Amino acid sequence: MKIRSDLSTIASKFNRTRKLREKISLKITINKKKSMQQLKKMMIEQSKQRKNQQRQEINEALQNKEKELEKEHLERKAASVAMVKESQISSLKKRMKKNNKYSLSLQNSYYKRYLDDEDQTERNKQKIKKLEAAESKLLDKLQSTMEKQMTMHKTLENLVKSGKPPENSPE
């Protein structure tokens, strides 16, 4: 009997240890699952961060490339404009060499025209002075005739008041 009781105590202890082991193993598996989930979350977060960083690097690289392309385009455009201007300047120089005699004659004609214009302005000034003198003479004549008419009008009024007919009238 004693053996039986010892066996039963041993069996109960064994059952307890087995239950404890099961609990511990269950806790370990739960902890493993939790840690796996946390590890998965961390890995997902890290991959998101890497993707965002890669996107930013790609965007920066694209912007830099666009800036370089635009700069190259502007440089090419400036170079082409410079070439066109140089060709225009050289063609103008060639034309000026060919037309040097013509340009000198043009300059002379412009100078002569300028001198002629100055002479014309002098003549115009003299004409203006003559016209002003004539105008002042006409104004003097007009004023004298107005004065004559006023005196004549007054004499006529006086004659009408006195009742005498005018001397040169047909009456």
N, C-alpha and C. Protein backbone atom coordinates (compact mmCIF):
# COMPACT_ATOMS: atom_id res chain seq x y z
N MET A 1 0.77 -1.17 0.00
CA MET A 1 0.00 0.00 0.00
C MET A 1 0.83 1.26 0.00
N LYS A 2 1.81 1.11 0.71
CA LYS A 2 2.71 2.21 0.78
C LYS A 2 3.27 2.47 -0.60
N ILE A 3 3.52 1.48 -1.30
CA ILE A 3 4.07 1.62 -2.63
C ILE A 3 3.01 2.28 -3.51
N ARG A 4 1.78 1.88 -3.25
CA ARG A 4 0.73 2.46 -4.05
C ARG A 4 0.60 3.95 -3.75
N SER A 5 0.66 4.30 -2.52
CA SER A 5 0.54 5.70 -2.16
C SER A 5 1.75 6.47 -2.70
N ASP A 6 2.90 5.83 -2.61
CA ASP A 6 4.10 6.47 -3.17
C ASP A 6 3.94 6.64 -4.68
N LEU A 7 3.40 5.62 -5.29
CA LEU A 7 3.19 5.68 -6.74
C LEU A 7 2.16 6.75 -7.08
N SER A 8 1.12 6.85 -6.28
CA SER A 8 0.11 7.85 -6.57
C SER A 8 0.67 9.26 -6.36
N THR A 9 1.49 9.43 -5.31
CA THR A 9 2.10 10.73 -5.09
C THR A 9 3.06 11.06 -6.23
N ILE A 10 3.77 10.05 -6.63
CA ILE A 10 4.71 10.26 -7.75
C ILE A 10 3.91 10.59 -9.01
N ALA A 11 2.81 9.90 -9.21
CA ALA A 11 1.99 10.13 -10.40
C ALA A 11 1.38 11.54 -10.35
N SER A 12 0.93 11.93 -9.14
CA SER A 12 0.34 13.27 -9.04
C SER A 12 1.41 14.34 -9.26
N LYS A 13 2.61 14.08 -8.69
CA LYS A 13 3.70 15.03 -8.92
C LYS A 13 4.05 15.06 -10.41
N PHE A 14 4.04 13.90 -11.01
CA PHE A 14 4.36 13.82 -12.45
C PHE A 14 3.31 14.59 -13.27
N ASN A 15 2.02 14.41 -12.88
CA ASN A 15 0.94 15.11 -13.56
C ASN A 15 1.08 16.64 -13.39
N ARG A 16 1.45 17.05 -12.15
CA ARG A 16 1.64 18.48 -11.91
C ARG A 16 2.78 19.02 -12.76
N THR A 17 3.89 18.31 -12.78
CA THR A 17 5.04 18.76 -13.57
C THR A 17 4.69 18.77 -15.05
N ARG A 18 3.90 17.77 -15.47
CA ARG A 18 3.49 17.73 -16.87
C ARG A 18 2.60 18.94 -17.18
N LYS A 19 1.67 19.26 -16.27
CA LYS A 19 0.80 20.41 -16.49
C LYS A 19 1.61 21.69 -16.49
N LEU A 20 2.58 21.74 -15.55
CA LEU A 20 3.45 22.92 -15.50
C LEU A 20 4.25 23.04 -16.80
N ARG A 21 4.76 21.93 -17.29
CA ARG A 21 5.51 21.95 -18.54
C ARG A 21 4.62 22.41 -19.69
N GLU A 22 3.38 21.91 -19.69
CA GLU A 22 2.45 22.31 -20.75
C GLU A 22 2.18 23.82 -20.66
N LYS A 23 1.96 24.31 -19.43
CA LYS A 23 1.73 25.74 -19.26
C LYS A 23 2.95 26.54 -19.73
N ILE A 24 4.10 26.07 -19.31
CA ILE A 24 5.34 26.77 -19.68
C ILE A 24 5.54 26.72 -21.19
N SER A 25 5.31 25.56 -21.77
CA SER A 25 5.47 25.45 -23.23
C SER A 25 4.44 26.31 -23.95
N LEU A 26 3.22 26.37 -23.40
CA LEU A 26 2.19 27.22 -23.97
C LEU A 26 2.60 28.69 -23.89
N LYS A 27 3.13 29.10 -22.71
CA LYS A 27 3.59 30.46 -22.56
C LYS A 27 4.74 30.76 -23.52
N ILE A 28 5.60 29.79 -23.66
CA ILE A 28 6.75 29.97 -24.56
C ILE A 28 6.26 30.13 -26.00
N THR A 29 5.29 29.31 -26.40
CA THR A 29 4.78 29.43 -27.77
C THR A 29 4.06 30.77 -27.96
N ILE A 30 3.31 31.18 -26.94
CA ILE A 30 2.62 32.49 -27.03
C ILE A 30 3.66 33.59 -27.15
N ASN A 31 4.70 33.52 -26.30
CA ASN A 31 5.76 34.53 -26.34
C ASN A 31 6.47 34.50 -27.71
N LYS A 32 6.69 33.28 -28.22
CA LYS A 32 7.32 33.17 -29.54
C LYS A 32 6.45 33.81 -30.60
N LYS A 33 5.13 33.54 -30.53
CA LYS A 33 4.21 34.13 -31.51
C LYS A 33 4.24 35.66 -31.42
N LYS A 34 4.19 36.16 -30.17
CA LYS A 34 4.22 37.61 -29.98
C LYS A 34 5.52 38.19 -30.53
N SER A 35 6.61 37.53 -30.18
CA SER A 35 7.90 38.05 -30.65
C SER A 35 8.00 37.94 -32.18
N MET A 36 7.43 36.92 -32.75
CA MET A 36 7.41 36.77 -34.22
C MET A 36 6.58 37.89 -34.85
N GLN A 37 5.42 38.19 -34.23
CA GLN A 37 4.59 39.28 -34.74
C GLN A 37 5.33 40.61 -34.65
N GLN A 38 6.00 40.82 -33.51
CA GLN A 38 6.76 42.06 -33.36
C GLN A 38 7.90 42.12 -34.38
N LEU A 39 8.53 40.98 -34.59
CA LEU A 39 9.61 40.90 -35.56
C LEU A 39 9.08 41.18 -36.97
N LYS A 40 7.90 40.64 -37.29
CA LYS A 40 7.29 40.89 -38.59
C LYS A 40 6.97 42.37 -38.75
N LYS A 41 6.38 42.98 -37.68
CA LYS A 41 6.06 44.40 -37.73
C LYS A 41 7.32 45.23 -37.95
N MET A 42 8.37 44.87 -37.20
CA MET A 42 9.63 45.60 -37.36
C MET A 42 10.18 45.46 -38.78
N MET A 43 10.11 44.25 -39.30
CA MET A 43 10.62 44.02 -40.66
C MET A 43 9.79 44.79 -41.69
N ILE A 44 8.46 44.81 -41.51
CA ILE A 44 7.58 45.56 -42.42
C ILE A 44 7.90 47.05 -42.34
N GLU A 45 8.08 47.55 -41.12
CA GLU A 45 8.40 48.97 -40.92
C GLU A 45 9.75 49.32 -41.57
N GLN A 46 10.71 48.44 -41.38
CA GLN A 46 12.03 48.67 -41.98
C GLN A 46 11.95 48.65 -43.50
N SER A 47 11.16 47.74 -44.05
CA SER A 47 11.04 47.68 -45.51
C SER A 47 10.35 48.94 -46.04
N LYS A 48 9.32 49.42 -45.28
CA LYS A 48 8.67 50.67 -45.68
C LYS A 48 9.66 51.82 -45.67
N GLN A 49 10.46 51.88 -44.60
CA GLN A 49 11.45 52.96 -44.51
C GLN A 49 12.46 52.88 -45.66
N ARG A 50 12.91 51.66 -45.97
CA ARG A 50 13.85 51.48 -47.09
C ARG A 50 13.23 51.91 -48.41
N LYS A 51 11.96 51.53 -48.61
CA LYS A 51 11.27 51.92 -49.84
C LYS A 51 11.13 53.43 -49.94
N ASN A 52 10.74 54.07 -48.83
CA ASN A 52 10.62 55.53 -48.83
C ASN A 52 11.96 56.19 -49.11
N GLN A 53 12.99 55.67 -48.49
CA GLN A 53 14.32 56.23 -48.72
C GLN A 53 14.74 56.04 -50.18
N GLN A 54 14.44 54.87 -50.74
CA GLN A 54 14.77 54.63 -52.15
C GLN A 54 13.99 55.58 -53.05
N ARG A 55 12.71 55.81 -52.74
CA ARG A 55 11.90 56.74 -53.53
C ARG A 55 12.48 58.14 -53.47
N GLN A 56 12.86 58.55 -52.26
CA GLN A 56 13.45 59.88 -52.12
C GLN A 56 14.75 60.00 -52.92
N GLU A 57 15.57 58.96 -52.85
CA GLU A 57 16.83 58.99 -53.61
C GLU A 57 16.55 59.04 -55.10
N ILE A 58 15.57 58.28 -55.55
CA ILE A 58 15.22 58.27 -56.98
C ILE A 58 14.70 59.63 -57.39
N ASN A 59 13.81 60.23 -56.56
CA ASN A 59 13.27 61.56 -56.87
C ASN A 59 14.39 62.60 -56.92
N GLU A 60 15.30 62.55 -55.96
CA GLU A 60 16.42 63.49 -55.97
C GLU A 60 17.28 63.30 -57.21
N ALA A 61 17.53 62.04 -57.56
CA ALA A 61 18.33 61.76 -58.75
C ALA A 61 17.63 62.28 -60.01
N LEU A 62 16.30 62.10 -60.08
CA LEU A 62 15.54 62.60 -61.23
C LEU A 62 15.58 64.13 -61.29
N GLN A 63 15.41 64.77 -60.14
CA GLN A 63 15.47 66.24 -60.12
C GLN A 63 16.85 66.73 -60.54
N ASN A 64 17.89 66.07 -60.04
CA ASN A 64 19.24 66.47 -60.43
C ASN A 64 19.44 66.29 -61.92
N LYS A 65 18.94 65.19 -62.45
CA LYS A 65 19.09 64.93 -63.88
C LYS A 65 18.33 65.97 -64.69
N GLU A 66 17.11 66.32 -64.24
CA GLU A 66 16.33 67.35 -64.93
C GLU A 66 17.06 68.68 -64.92
N LYS A 67 17.65 69.02 -63.78
CA LYS A 67 18.41 70.27 -63.69
C LYS A 67 19.59 70.25 -64.64
N GLU A 68 20.29 69.13 -64.68
CA GLU A 68 21.43 69.02 -65.58
C GLU A 68 20.99 69.14 -67.04
N LEU A 69 19.88 68.47 -67.39
CA LEU A 69 19.38 68.54 -68.76
C LEU A 69 18.97 69.96 -69.12
N GLU A 70 18.31 70.64 -68.18
CA GLU A 70 17.89 72.01 -68.44
C GLU A 70 19.11 72.92 -68.59
N LYS A 71 20.10 72.70 -67.75
CA LYS A 71 21.33 73.49 -67.84
C LYS A 71 22.02 73.26 -69.18
N GLU A 72 22.10 72.00 -69.59
CA GLU A 72 22.70 71.69 -70.89
C GLU A 72 21.92 72.34 -72.02
N HIS A 73 20.58 72.29 -71.91
CA HIS A 73 19.74 72.90 -72.93
C HIS A 73 20.00 74.40 -73.01
N LEU A 74 20.07 75.05 -71.85
CA LEU A 74 20.33 76.50 -71.83
C LEU A 74 21.71 76.81 -72.38
N GLU A 75 22.69 75.97 -72.04
CA GLU A 75 24.05 76.19 -72.57
C GLU A 75 24.05 76.05 -74.09
N ARG A 76 23.36 75.02 -74.59
CA ARG A 76 23.30 74.84 -76.05
C ARG A 76 22.60 76.02 -76.71
N LYS A 77 21.53 76.47 -76.08
CA LYS A 77 20.78 77.59 -76.63
C LYS A 77 21.65 78.85 -76.64
N ALA A 78 22.36 79.09 -75.54
CA ALA A 78 23.24 80.26 -75.46
C ALA A 78 24.35 80.16 -76.51
N ALA A 79 24.87 78.96 -76.69
CA ALA A 79 25.93 78.77 -77.69
C ALA A 79 25.40 79.04 -79.09
N SER A 80 24.18 78.57 -79.37
CA SER A 80 23.61 78.79 -80.70
C SER A 80 23.33 80.28 -80.92
N VAL A 81 22.83 80.95 -79.89
CA VAL A 81 22.58 82.40 -80.00
C VAL A 81 23.89 83.13 -80.24
N ALA A 82 24.93 82.73 -79.51
CA ALA A 82 26.24 83.36 -79.68
C ALA A 82 26.76 83.14 -81.09
N MET A 83 26.57 81.92 -81.62
CA MET A 83 27.03 81.64 -82.98
C MET A 83 26.27 82.49 -83.98
N VAL A 84 24.96 82.62 -83.80
CA VAL A 84 24.15 83.43 -84.71
C VAL A 84 24.60 84.88 -84.65
N LYS A 85 24.84 85.39 -83.45
CA LYS A 85 25.27 86.78 -83.32
C LYS A 85 26.64 86.98 -83.96
N GLU A 86 27.53 86.02 -83.75
CA GLU A 86 28.85 86.13 -84.38
C GLU A 86 28.72 86.15 -85.89
N SER A 87 27.87 85.29 -86.44
CA SER A 87 27.70 85.26 -87.89
C SER A 87 27.08 86.57 -88.38
N GLN A 88 26.13 87.10 -87.61
CA GLN A 88 25.52 88.38 -87.99
C GLN A 88 26.56 89.49 -87.97
N ILE A 89 27.40 89.50 -86.94
CA ILE A 89 28.43 90.54 -86.84
C ILE A 89 29.41 90.41 -87.99
N SER A 90 29.82 89.18 -88.29
CA SER A 90 30.78 89.01 -89.39
C SER A 90 30.15 89.42 -90.72
N SER A 91 28.88 89.08 -90.93
CA SER A 91 28.23 89.48 -92.18
C SER A 91 28.07 91.00 -92.26
N LEU A 92 27.78 91.62 -91.12
CA LEU A 92 27.70 93.09 -91.11
C LEU A 92 29.06 93.71 -91.42
N LYS A 93 30.12 93.14 -90.86
CA LYS A 93 31.46 93.67 -91.14
C LYS A 93 31.78 93.53 -92.62
N LYS A 94 31.43 92.38 -93.20
CA LYS A 94 31.68 92.19 -94.64
C LYS A 94 30.91 93.19 -95.46
N ARG A 95 29.63 93.37 -95.11
CA ARG A 95 28.81 94.34 -95.84
C ARG A 95 29.36 95.75 -95.71
N MET A 96 29.82 96.07 -94.50
CA MET A 96 30.36 97.42 -94.29
C MET A 96 31.63 97.62 -95.10
N LYS A 97 32.45 96.57 -95.22
CA LYS A 97 33.66 96.69 -96.04
C LYS A 97 33.28 96.91 -97.49
N LYS A 98 32.28 96.15 -97.95
CA LYS A 98 31.85 96.30 -99.35
C LYS A 98 31.23 97.67 -99.58
N ASN A 99 30.46 98.11 -98.62
CA ASN A 99 29.70 99.36 -98.80
C ASN A 99 30.37 100.55 -98.13
N ASN A 100 31.67 100.46 -97.90
CA ASN A 100 32.35 101.55 -97.20
C ASN A 100 32.23 102.85 -97.97
N LYS A 101 32.45 102.77 -99.28
CA LYS A 101 32.35 103.99 -100.10
C LYS A 101 30.92 104.51 -100.06
N TYR A 102 29.99 103.60 -100.18
CA TYR A 102 28.58 104.00 -100.15
C TYR A 102 28.23 104.64 -98.82
N SER A 103 28.73 104.04 -97.72
CA SER A 103 28.41 104.58 -96.40
C SER A 103 29.05 105.96 -96.22
N LEU A 104 30.27 106.15 -96.77
CA LEU A 104 30.88 107.47 -96.68
C LEU A 104 30.07 108.51 -97.44
N SER A 105 29.60 108.11 -98.62
CA SER A 105 28.78 109.05 -99.38
C SER A 105 27.46 109.33 -98.65
N LEU A 106 26.91 108.31 -98.00
CA LEU A 106 25.70 108.50 -97.21
C LEU A 106 25.95 109.46 -96.06
N GLN A 107 27.08 109.27 -95.41
CA GLN A 107 27.42 110.17 -94.31
C GLN A 107 27.55 111.60 -94.81
N ASN A 108 28.20 111.74 -95.96
CA ASN A 108 28.35 113.08 -96.53
C ASN A 108 26.98 113.67 -96.87
N SER A 109 26.11 112.83 -97.46
CA SER A 109 24.79 113.34 -97.82
C SER A 109 23.99 113.70 -96.56
N TYR A 110 24.12 112.89 -95.49
CA TYR A 110 23.44 113.23 -94.24
C TYR A 110 23.97 114.55 -93.69
N TYR A 111 25.27 114.74 -93.77
CA TYR A 111 25.87 115.98 -93.26
C TYR A 111 25.38 117.17 -94.08
N LYS A 112 25.37 116.96 -95.43
CA LYS A 112 24.87 118.04 -96.29
C LYS A 112 23.41 118.34 -95.98
N ARG A 113 22.62 117.28 -95.78
CA ARG A 113 21.21 117.46 -95.46
C ARG A 113 21.06 118.20 -94.13
N TYR A 114 21.93 117.88 -93.18
CA TYR A 114 21.90 118.56 -91.89
C TYR A 114 22.20 120.05 -92.07
N LEU A 115 23.23 120.33 -92.88
CA LEU A 115 23.56 121.73 -93.13
C LEU A 115 22.42 122.43 -93.86
N ASP A 116 21.85 121.72 -94.84
CA ASP A 116 20.71 122.28 -95.57
C ASP A 116 19.55 122.55 -94.61
N ASP A 117 19.32 121.63 -93.69
CA ASP A 117 18.26 121.81 -92.71
C ASP A 117 18.53 123.03 -91.83
N GLU A 118 19.79 123.23 -91.46
CA GLU A 118 20.12 124.41 -90.66
C GLU A 118 19.87 125.69 -91.46
N ASP A 119 20.28 125.66 -92.75
CA ASP A 119 20.01 126.83 -93.60
C ASP A 119 18.52 127.07 -93.73
N GLN A 120 17.77 126.00 -93.89
CA GLN A 120 16.32 126.11 -94.02
C GLN A 120 15.72 126.69 -92.75
N THR A 121 16.20 126.28 -91.60
CA THR A 121 15.66 126.83 -90.36
C THR A 121 15.97 128.32 -90.25
N GLU A 122 17.17 128.71 -90.70
CA GLU A 122 17.49 130.15 -90.70
C GLU A 122 16.52 130.91 -91.62
N ARG A 123 16.30 130.35 -92.81
CA ARG A 123 15.37 130.99 -93.75
C ARG A 123 13.97 131.05 -93.15
N ASN A 124 13.58 129.98 -92.48
CA ASN A 124 12.25 129.97 -91.85
C ASN A 124 12.15 131.03 -90.75
N LYS A 125 13.22 131.19 -89.99
CA LYS A 125 13.22 132.21 -88.94
C LYS A 125 13.07 133.60 -89.55
N GLN A 126 13.77 133.82 -90.67
CA GLN A 126 13.66 135.13 -91.33
C GLN A 126 12.25 135.33 -91.86
N LYS A 127 11.66 134.30 -92.45
CA LYS A 127 10.29 134.40 -92.94
C LYS A 127 9.33 134.72 -91.80
N ILE A 128 9.56 134.06 -90.65
CA ILE A 128 8.69 134.30 -89.49
C ILE A 128 8.80 135.75 -89.05
N LYS A 129 10.03 136.26 -89.03
CA LYS A 129 10.20 137.67 -88.65
C LYS A 129 9.48 138.60 -89.61
N LYS A 130 9.60 138.31 -90.92
CA LYS A 130 8.91 139.13 -91.93
C LYS A 130 7.41 139.07 -91.73
N LEU A 131 6.90 137.84 -91.48
CA LEU A 131 5.46 137.69 -91.28
C LEU A 131 5.00 138.42 -90.03
N GLU A 132 5.79 138.38 -88.97
CA GLU A 132 5.42 139.09 -87.75
C GLU A 132 5.40 140.60 -87.99
N ALA A 133 6.39 141.08 -88.77
CA ALA A 133 6.42 142.52 -89.08
C ALA A 133 5.18 142.90 -89.88
N ALA A 134 4.85 142.07 -90.91
CA ALA A 134 3.68 142.34 -91.73
C ALA A 134 2.41 142.30 -90.88
N GLU A 135 2.34 141.37 -89.96
CA GLU A 135 1.18 141.25 -89.09
C GLU A 135 1.04 142.49 -88.21
N SER A 136 2.15 142.96 -87.68
CA SER A 136 2.07 144.15 -86.82
C SER A 136 1.63 145.37 -87.65
N LYS A 137 2.11 145.46 -88.92
CA LYS A 137 1.66 146.56 -89.79
C LYS A 137 0.17 146.48 -90.03
N LEU A 138 -0.30 145.26 -90.33
CA LEU A 138 -1.73 145.07 -90.57
C LEU A 138 -2.55 145.42 -89.32
N LEU A 139 -2.05 145.06 -88.17
CA LEU A 139 -2.76 145.38 -86.93
C LEU A 139 -2.81 146.90 -86.72
N ASP A 140 -1.71 147.57 -87.04
CA ASP A 140 -1.70 149.04 -86.92
C ASP A 140 -2.72 149.67 -87.87
N LYS A 141 -2.73 149.16 -89.13
CA LYS A 141 -3.69 149.68 -90.11
C LYS A 141 -5.12 149.43 -89.64
N LEU A 142 -5.36 148.23 -89.13
CA LEU A 142 -6.69 147.88 -88.65
C LEU A 142 -7.10 148.79 -87.50
N GLN A 143 -6.17 149.05 -86.62
CA GLN A 143 -6.48 149.91 -85.48
C GLN A 143 -6.78 151.34 -85.96
N SER A 144 -6.00 151.81 -86.93
CA SER A 144 -6.25 153.18 -87.42
C SER A 144 -7.61 153.26 -88.13
N THR A 145 -7.95 152.25 -88.92
CA THR A 145 -9.24 152.26 -89.59
C THR A 145 -10.38 152.16 -88.58
N MET A 146 -10.16 151.38 -87.51
CA MET A 146 -11.18 151.28 -86.47
C MET A 146 -11.38 152.64 -85.80
N GLU A 147 -10.28 153.32 -85.57
CA GLU A 147 -10.37 154.63 -84.94
C GLU A 147 -11.11 155.62 -85.87
N LYS A 148 -10.79 155.55 -87.17
CA LYS A 148 -11.47 156.42 -88.15
C LYS A 148 -12.95 156.13 -88.16
N GLN A 149 -13.31 154.83 -88.15
CA GLN A 149 -14.72 154.47 -88.17
C GLN A 149 -15.42 154.95 -86.90
N MET A 150 -14.74 154.86 -85.76
CA MET A 150 -15.34 155.31 -84.51
C MET A 150 -15.57 156.83 -84.54
N THR A 151 -14.59 157.57 -85.05
CA THR A 151 -14.78 159.03 -85.13
C THR A 151 -15.89 159.36 -86.10
N MET A 152 -15.95 158.64 -87.22
CA MET A 152 -17.00 158.87 -88.20
C MET A 152 -18.37 158.57 -87.60
N HIS A 153 -18.45 157.50 -86.83
CA HIS A 153 -19.70 157.11 -86.19
C HIS A 153 -20.13 158.19 -85.19
N LYS A 154 -19.17 158.71 -84.44
CA LYS A 154 -19.51 159.75 -83.47
C LYS A 154 -19.97 161.02 -84.16
N THR A 155 -19.32 161.38 -85.25
CA THR A 155 -19.76 162.58 -85.98
C THR A 155 -21.13 162.38 -86.55
N LEU A 156 -21.42 161.18 -87.04
CA LEU A 156 -22.76 160.89 -87.57
C LEU A 156 -23.80 161.00 -86.46
N GLU A 157 -23.47 160.50 -85.30
CA GLU A 157 -24.40 160.59 -84.18
C GLU A 157 -24.64 162.07 -83.80
N ASN A 158 -23.57 162.79 -83.77
CA ASN A 158 -23.70 164.21 -83.44
C ASN A 158 -24.56 164.95 -84.48
N LEU A 159 -24.35 164.61 -85.73
CA LEU A 159 -25.14 165.23 -86.80
C LEU A 159 -26.60 164.83 -86.69
N VAL A 160 -26.85 163.58 -86.38
CA VAL A 160 -28.22 163.13 -86.26
C VAL A 160 -28.88 163.85 -85.08
N LYS A 161 -28.16 164.04 -84.04
CA LYS A 161 -28.72 164.73 -82.88
C LYS A 161 -28.99 166.20 -83.22
N SER A 162 -28.10 166.77 -83.96
CA SER A 162 -28.28 168.18 -84.30
C SER A 162 -29.28 168.37 -85.43
N GLY A 163 -29.53 167.34 -86.23
CA GLY A 163 -30.52 167.43 -87.29
C GLY A 163 -29.94 167.81 -88.63
N LYS A 164 -28.65 167.93 -88.76
CA LYS A 164 -28.05 168.29 -90.05
C LYS A 164 -27.77 167.04 -90.85
N PRO A 165 -27.99 167.10 -92.17
CA PRO A 165 -27.62 165.94 -92.99
C PRO A 165 -26.10 165.90 -93.17
N PRO A 166 -25.56 164.72 -93.35
CA PRO A 166 -24.10 164.63 -93.54
C PRO A 166 -23.69 165.30 -94.85
N GLU A 167 -22.42 165.68 -94.91
CA GLU A 167 -21.93 166.44 -96.05
C GLU A 167 -21.85 165.59 -97.31
N ASN A 168 -21.49 164.37 -97.20
CA ASN A 168 -21.32 163.53 -98.38
C ASN A 168 -22.51 162.63 -98.62
N SER A 169 -23.62 162.84 -97.95
CA SER A 169 -24.77 161.95 -98.11
C SER A 169 -25.58 162.37 -99.33
N PRO A 170 -26.30 161.45 -99.99
CA PRO A 170 -27.07 161.75 -101.18
C PRO A 170 -28.32 162.53 -100.89
N GLU A 171 -28.73 162.78 -99.68
CA GLU A 171 -29.96 163.50 -99.37
C GLU A 171 -29.78 164.90 -99.68
